[in-house]
C-alpha atoms as a PDB file:
ATOM      1  CA  UNK A   1      72.812  86.517  16.702  1.00  0.00           C
ATOM      2  CA  UNK A   2      70.680  83.497  17.427  1.00  0.00           C
ATOM      3  CA  UNK A   3      69.121  83.725  13.983  1.00  0.00           C
ATOM      4  CA  UNK A   4      72.550  83.744  12.423  1.00  0.00           C
ATOM      5  CA  UNK A   5      73.580  80.586  14.373  1.00  0.00           C
ATOM      6  CA  UNK A   6      70.301  78.872  13.479  1.00  0.00           C
ATOM      7  CA  UNK A   7      70.761  79.793   9.778  1.00  0.00           C
ATOM      8  CA  UNK A   8      74.411  78.627   9.865  1.00  0.00           C
ATOM      9  CA  UNK A   9      73.339  75.218  11.388  1.00  0.00           C
ATOM     10  CA  UNK A  10      70.674  74.797   8.655  1.00  0.00           C
ATOM     11  CA  UNK A  11      73.163  75.607   5.996  1.00  0.00           C
ATOM     12  CA  UNK A  12      75.871  73.241   7.422  1.00  0.00           C
ATOM     13  CA  UNK A  13      73.250  70.546   7.863  1.00  0.00           C
ATOM     14  CA  UNK A  14      72.147  70.874   4.123  1.00  0.00           C
ATOM     15  CA  UNK A  15      75.748  70.842   2.982  1.00  0.00           C
ATOM     16  CA  UNK A  16      76.608  67.761   5.129  1.00  0.00           C
ATOM     17  CA  UNK A  17      73.392  65.929   3.878  1.00  0.00           C
ATOM     18  CA  UNK A  18      74.449  66.679   0.284  1.00  0.00           C
ATOM     19  CA  UNK A  19      77.995  65.499   0.859  1.00  0.00           C
ATOM     20  CA  UNK A  20      76.692  62.282   2.370  1.00  0.00           C
ATOM     21  CA  UNK A  21      74.245  61.717  -0.460  1.00  0.00           C
ATOM     22  CA  UNK A  22      77.000  62.347  -2.997  1.00  0.00           C
ATOM     23  CA  UNK A  23      79.266  59.867  -1.308  1.00  0.00           C
ATOM     24  CA  UNK A  24      76.598  57.211  -1.246  1.00  0.00           C
ATOM     25  CA  UNK A  25      75.771  57.762  -4.916  1.00  0.00           C
ATOM     26  CA  UNK A  26      79.409  57.283  -5.879  1.00  0.00           C
ATOM     27  CA  UNK A  27      79.850  54.110  -4.034  1.00  0.00           C
ATOM     28  CA  UNK A  28      76.529  52.594  -4.814  1.00  0.00           C
ATOM     29  CA  UNK A  29      76.773  53.304  -8.514  1.00  0.00           C
ATOM     30  CA  UNK A  30      80.364  52.596  -9.369  1.00  0.00           C
ATOM     31  CA  UNK A  31      81.432  52.883 -13.009  1.00  0.00           C
ATOM     32  CA  UNK A  32      81.826  49.622 -15.028  1.00  0.00           C
ATOM     33  CA  UNK A  33      85.631  48.805 -15.164  1.00  0.00           C
ATOM     34  CA  UNK A  34      87.032  49.439 -18.599  1.00  0.00           C
ATOM     35  CA  UNK A  35      88.474  45.901 -18.874  1.00  0.00           C
ATOM     36  CA  UNK A  36      87.816  42.607 -17.095  1.00  0.00           C
ATOM     37  CA  UNK A  37      90.346  39.792 -17.074  1.00  0.00           C
ATOM     38  CA  UNK A  38      89.125  36.304 -17.608  1.00  0.00           C
ATOM     39  CA  UNK A  39      91.290  33.398 -16.433  1.00  0.00           C
ATOM     40  CA  UNK A  40      90.824  29.765 -17.514  1.00  0.00           C
ATOM     41  CA  UNK A  41      92.330  27.082 -15.228  1.00  0.00           C
ATOM     42  CA  UNK A  42      92.138  23.290 -14.875  1.00  0.00           C
ATOM     43  CA  UNK A  43      92.250  21.901 -11.265  1.00  0.00           C
ATOM     44  CA  UNK A  44      91.230  18.217 -12.015  1.00  0.00           C
ATOM     45  CA  UNK A  45      94.727  17.038 -11.045  1.00  0.00           C
ATOM     46  CA  UNK A  46      94.488  18.865  -7.664  1.00  0.00           C
ATOM     47  CA  UNK A  47      96.651  21.766  -8.807  1.00  0.00           C
ATOM     48  CA  UNK A  48      95.396  24.820 -10.587  1.00  0.00           C
ATOM     49  CA  UNK A  49      96.937  24.904 -14.078  1.00  0.00           C
ATOM     50  CA  UNK A  50      96.555  28.083 -16.111  1.00  0.00           C
ATOM     51  CA  UNK A  51      95.156  27.326 -19.554  1.00  0.00           C
ATOM     52  CA  UNK A  52      94.899  30.940 -20.783  1.00  0.00           C
ATOM     53  CA  UNK A  53      93.950  34.434 -19.646  1.00  0.00           C
ATOM     54  CA  UNK A  54      92.427  37.220 -21.724  1.00  0.00           C
ATOM     55  CA  UNK A  55      91.475  40.793 -21.107  1.00  0.00           C
ATOM     56  CA  UNK A  56      88.163  41.981 -22.390  1.00  0.00           C
ATOM     57  CA  UNK A  57      87.071  45.564 -23.043  1.00  0.00           C
ATOM     58  CA  UNK A  58      83.661  46.146 -21.481  1.00  0.00           C
ATOM     59  CA  UNK A  59      82.176  49.235 -23.350  1.00  0.00           C
ATOM     60  CA  UNK A  60      81.981  47.534 -26.696  1.00  0.00           C
ATOM     61  CA  UNK A  61      79.926  44.733 -25.188  1.00  0.00           C
ATOM     62  CA  UNK A  62      77.697  47.135 -23.350  1.00  0.00           C
ATOM     63  CA  UNK A  63      77.076  49.135 -26.609  1.00  0.00           C
ATOM     64  CA  UNK A  64      76.420  45.898 -28.654  1.00  0.00           C
ATOM     65  CA  UNK A  65      74.217  44.172 -26.129  1.00  0.00           C
ATOM     66  CA  UNK A  66      74.273  40.471 -25.451  1.00  0.00           C
ATOM     67  CA  UNK A  67      75.428  37.917 -27.951  1.00  0.00           C
ATOM     68  CA  UNK A  68      72.970  35.424 -26.377  1.00  0.00           C
ATOM     69  CA  UNK A  69      69.817  36.326 -28.307  1.00  0.00           C
ATOM     70  CA  UNK A  70      68.237  35.394 -31.566  1.00  0.00           C
ATOM     71  CA  UNK A  71      69.740  32.315 -33.402  1.00  0.00           C
ATOM     72  CA  UNK A  72      72.543  32.033 -30.841  1.00  0.00           C
ATOM     73  CA  UNK A  73      70.104  31.668 -27.902  1.00  0.00           C
ATOM     74  CA  UNK A  74      67.673  29.534 -30.029  1.00  0.00           C
ATOM     75  CA  UNK A  75      70.548  26.978 -30.778  1.00  0.00           C
ATOM     76  CA  UNK A  76      71.554  26.781 -26.979  1.00  0.00           C
ATOM     77  CA  UNK A  77      67.958  26.251 -25.958  1.00  0.00           C
ATOM     78  CA  UNK A  78      67.329  23.666 -28.628  1.00  0.00           C
ATOM     79  CA  UNK A  79      70.463  21.682 -27.609  1.00  0.00           C
ATOM     80  CA  UNK A  80      69.233  21.919 -24.007  1.00  0.00           C
ATOM     81  CA  UNK A  81      65.720  20.692 -24.916  1.00  0.00           C
ATOM     82  CA  UNK A  82      64.045  23.986 -23.755  1.00  0.00           C
ATOM     83  CA  UNK A  83      61.422  25.803 -25.732  1.00  0.00           C
ATOM     84  CA  UNK A  84      62.187  29.595 -26.171  1.00  0.00           C
ATOM     85  CA  UNK A  85      58.667  30.192 -24.767  1.00  0.00           C
ATOM     86  CA  UNK A  86      59.845  28.667 -21.424  1.00  0.00           C
ATOM     87  CA  UNK A  87      63.084  30.594 -21.123  1.00  0.00           C
ATOM     88  CA  UNK A  88      63.600  34.280 -20.159  1.00  0.00           C
ATOM     89  CA  UNK A  89      66.802  36.276 -20.036  1.00  0.00           C
ATOM     90  CA  UNK A  90      66.882  38.288 -16.908  1.00  0.00           C
ATOM     91  CA  UNK A  91      68.338  41.371 -18.590  1.00  0.00           C
ATOM     92  CA  UNK A  92      66.818  40.954 -22.015  1.00  0.00           C
ATOM     93  CA  UNK A  93      69.184  42.127 -24.678  1.00  0.00           C
ATOM     94  CA  UNK A  94      71.644  43.844 -22.275  1.00  0.00           C
ATOM     95  CA  UNK A  95      75.187  42.562 -21.958  1.00  0.00           C
ATOM     96  CA  UNK A  96      75.962  40.361 -18.942  1.00  0.00           C
ATOM     97  CA  UNK A  97      79.114  38.834 -17.519  1.00  0.00           C
ATOM     98  CA  UNK A  98      78.516  35.769 -19.728  1.00  0.00           C
ATOM     99  CA  UNK A  99      79.279  38.124 -22.713  1.00  0.00           C
ATOM    100  CA  UNK A 100      82.607  38.904 -21.088  1.00  0.00           C
ATOM    101  CA  UNK A 101      83.262  35.119 -20.657  1.00  0.00           C
ATOM    102  CA  UNK A 102      82.264  34.396 -24.139  1.00  0.00           C
ATOM    103  CA  UNK A 103      84.415  37.191 -25.685  1.00  0.00           C
ATOM    104  CA  UNK A 104      87.507  35.881 -23.646  1.00  0.00           C
ATOM    105  CA  UNK A 105      86.755  32.231 -24.640  1.00  0.00           C
ATOM    106  CA  UNK A 106      86.573  33.223 -28.363  1.00  0.00           C
ATOM    107  CA  UNK A 107      89.855  35.152 -28.046  1.00  0.00           C
ATOM    108  CA  UNK A 108      91.454  32.102 -26.464  1.00  0.00           C
ATOM    109  CA  UNK A 109      90.157  29.802 -29.132  1.00  0.00           C
ATOM    110  CA  UNK A 110      88.595  27.655 -26.480  1.00  0.00           C
ATOM    111  CA  UNK A 111      85.605  26.609 -28.651  1.00  0.00           C
ATOM    112  CA  UNK A 112      82.905  27.464 -26.074  1.00  0.00           C
ATOM    113  CA  UNK A 113      79.757  25.417 -25.845  1.00  0.00           C
ATOM    114  CA  UNK A 114      76.881  26.485 -23.726  1.00  0.00           C
ATOM    115  CA  UNK A 115      73.851  24.844 -22.100  1.00  0.00           C
ATOM    116  CA  UNK A 116      70.750  26.284 -20.521  1.00  0.00           C
ATOM    117  CA  UNK A 117      68.426  25.508 -17.725  1.00  0.00           C
ATOM    118  CA  UNK A 118      64.971  26.851 -16.874  1.00  0.00           C
ATOM    119  CA  UNK A 119      64.780  24.885 -13.669  1.00  0.00           C
ATOM    120  CA  UNK A 120      65.706  27.904 -11.641  1.00  0.00           C
ATOM    121  CA  UNK A 121      64.416  31.518 -11.631  1.00  0.00           C
ATOM    122  CA  UNK A 122      66.030  33.423 -13.105  1.00  0.00           C
ATOM    123  CA  UNK A 123      66.805  31.016 -16.036  1.00  0.00           C
ATOM    124  CA  UNK A 124      70.467  30.389 -16.638  1.00  0.00           C
ATOM    125  CA  UNK A 125      73.010  29.704 -19.338  1.00  0.00           C
ATOM    126  CA  UNK A 126      76.102  27.732 -18.284  1.00  0.00           C
ATOM    127  CA  UNK A 127      79.511  26.937 -19.783  1.00  0.00           C
ATOM    128  CA  UNK A 128      79.317  23.286 -20.792  1.00  0.00           C
ATOM    129  CA  UNK A 129      82.721  22.966 -22.523  1.00  0.00           C
ATOM    130  CA  UNK A 130      85.873  24.902 -23.106  1.00  0.00           C
ATOM    131  CA  UNK A 131      89.043  23.621 -24.611  1.00  0.00           C
ATOM    132  CA  UNK A 132      87.249  20.379 -25.411  1.00  0.00           C
ATOM    133  CA  UNK A 133      86.867  19.817 -21.561  1.00  0.00           C
ATOM    134  CA  UNK A 134      83.241  19.094 -21.081  1.00  0.00           C
ATOM    135  CA  UNK A 135      80.901  19.024 -18.089  1.00  0.00           C
ATOM    136  CA  UNK A 136      80.606  15.394 -17.053  1.00  0.00           C
ATOM    137  CA  UNK A 137      77.821  14.362 -14.501  1.00  0.00           C
ATOM    138  CA  UNK A 138      77.012  11.330 -12.573  1.00  0.00           C
ATOM    139  CA  UNK A 139      73.965  11.273 -10.454  1.00  0.00           C
ATOM    140  CA  UNK A 140      73.235   8.929  -7.542  1.00  0.00           C
ATOM    141  CA  UNK A 141      71.372   8.040  -4.392  1.00  0.00           C
ATOM    142  CA  UNK A 142      68.091   7.772  -6.172  1.00  0.00           C
ATOM    143  CA  UNK A 143      64.983   7.740  -3.926  1.00  0.00           C
ATOM    144  CA  UNK A 144      61.814   5.654  -4.384  1.00  0.00           C
ATOM    145  CA  UNK A 145      60.409   8.301  -6.848  1.00  0.00           C
ATOM    146  CA  UNK A 146      63.517   8.109  -8.988  1.00  0.00           C
ATOM    147  CA  UNK A 147      64.946  11.392  -8.026  1.00  0.00           C
ATOM    148  CA  UNK A 148      68.713  11.635  -7.424  1.00  0.00           C
ATOM    149  CA  UNK A 149      70.114  12.945  -4.146  1.00  0.00           C
ATOM    150  CA  UNK A 150      73.861  13.164  -5.137  1.00  0.00           C
ATOM    151  CA  UNK A 151      75.986  14.414  -7.917  1.00  0.00           C
ATOM    152  CA  UNK A 152      79.690  14.084  -8.939  1.00  0.00           C
ATOM    153  CA  UNK A 153      81.640  15.049 -11.951  1.00  0.00           C
ATOM    154  CA  UNK A 154      83.718  17.720 -13.499  1.00  0.00           C
ATOM    155  CA  UNK A 155      82.450  21.129 -14.485  1.00  0.00           C
ATOM    156  CA  UNK A 156      83.417  24.797 -15.133  1.00  0.00           C
ATOM    157  CA  UNK A 157      83.043  26.795 -11.953  1.00  0.00           C
ATOM    158  CA  UNK A 158      83.054  30.575 -11.953  1.00  0.00           C
ATOM    159  CA  UNK A 159      84.716  32.829  -9.297  1.00  0.00           C
ATOM    160  CA  UNK A 160      84.419  36.620  -9.424  1.00  0.00           C
ATOM    161  CA  UNK A 161      86.647  39.179  -7.947  1.00  0.00           C
ATOM    162  CA  UNK A 162      86.274  42.889  -7.340  1.00  0.00           C
ATOM    163  CA  UNK A 163      89.060  45.529  -7.692  1.00  0.00           C
ATOM    164  CA  UNK A 164      91.647  44.722  -4.993  1.00  0.00           C
ATOM    165  CA  UNK A 165      90.886  40.936  -5.120  1.00  0.00           C
ATOM    166  CA  UNK A 166      87.986  40.778  -2.804  1.00  0.00           C
ATOM    167  CA  UNK A 167      85.418  37.988  -3.735  1.00  0.00           C
ATOM    168  CA  UNK A 168      82.175  39.126  -5.377  1.00  0.00           C
ATOM    169  CA  UNK A 169      79.059  37.045  -4.756  1.00  0.00           C
ATOM    170  CA  UNK A 170      77.487  37.271  -8.215  1.00  0.00           C
ATOM    171  CA  UNK A 171      74.567  35.177  -9.476  1.00  0.00           C
ATOM    172  CA  UNK A 172      75.541  31.585 -10.167  1.00  0.00           C
ATOM    173  CA  UNK A 173      74.798  31.829 -13.913  1.00  0.00           C
ATOM    174  CA  UNK A 174      76.784  34.694 -15.420  1.00  0.00           C
ATOM    175  CA  UNK A 175      73.957  35.693 -17.771  1.00  0.00           C
ATOM    176  CA  UNK A 176      72.101  36.855 -14.606  1.00  0.00           C
ATOM    177  CA  UNK A 177      74.713  39.483 -13.739  1.00  0.00           C
ATOM    178  CA  UNK A 178      74.506  42.703 -15.803  1.00  0.00           C
ATOM    179  CA  UNK A 179      77.742  44.041 -17.150  1.00  0.00           C
ATOM    180  CA  UNK A 180      76.957  47.714 -16.915  1.00  0.00           C
ATOM    181  CA  UNK A 181      77.903  49.089 -13.476  1.00  0.00           C
ATOM    182  CA  UNK A 182      79.429  45.716 -12.288  1.00  0.00           C
ATOM    183  CA  UNK A 183      82.232  45.929  -9.731  1.00  0.00           C
ATOM    184  CA  UNK A 184      83.788  42.728 -11.085  1.00  0.00           C
ATOM    185  CA  UNK A 185      87.250  43.141 -12.430  1.00  0.00           C
ATOM    186  CA  UNK A 186      88.427  39.462 -12.689  1.00  0.00           C
ATOM    187  CA  UNK A 187      86.648  36.222 -13.651  1.00  0.00           C
ATOM    188  CA  UNK A 188      88.163  32.821 -13.187  1.00  0.00           C
ATOM    189  CA  UNK A 189      86.644  29.739 -14.866  1.00  0.00           C
ATOM    190  CA  UNK A 190      88.012  26.750 -13.109  1.00  0.00           C
ATOM    191  CA  UNK A 191      87.457  23.165 -14.495  1.00  0.00           C
ATOM    192  CA  UNK A 192      87.406  20.908 -11.460  1.00  0.00           C
ATOM    193  CA  UNK A 193      86.081  17.673  -9.974  1.00  0.00           C
ATOM    194  CA  UNK A 194      83.360  18.120  -7.484  1.00  0.00           C
ATOM    195  CA  UNK A 195      80.492  16.356  -5.607  1.00  0.00           C
ATOM    196  CA  UNK A 196      77.473  17.262  -3.556  1.00  0.00           C
ATOM    197  CA  UNK A 197      74.598  15.614  -1.786  1.00  0.00           C
ATOM    198  CA  UNK A 198      71.104  17.079  -1.046  1.00  0.00           C
END
């Protein structure tokens, strides 16, 4: 009888461990949403005005890989004054959330223009202009070495949401967030005035 109880405990322990492992696997590796909605808003007046919203199918982008490679990436880097030898895409040729944003911007006929920076690791590609609304920067509070310590201007800011509307803390640059297995279901690009000091 003691052996039967011991065996039952072992079997139940194994079943419980397997069930816990499966539940962790399902939550940790959630499937990519079939579509992601991208919203474009303008808040420069103090009130968010919707410019457009588009829904993007994710699987075709995952299959095709990123648009930001080859001549497309070379043109962005050239306009940003960066050598391709000094710029690295975090996910290589895999699709990222920037591909979702680009697909939506093309659908919305927003004439997207991108810039790049290699000042940070990982290197980033940012939205410079949509709907002819460009990033405008003014630096100030320069120190004795000529380095600025403040910035003000207008730019496109990105907010990510998960299913259910919870905020998702993705990388600042959308090309550093892989599309496959993302929990992101909604992206908002908001053109707004901002300032910061450091």
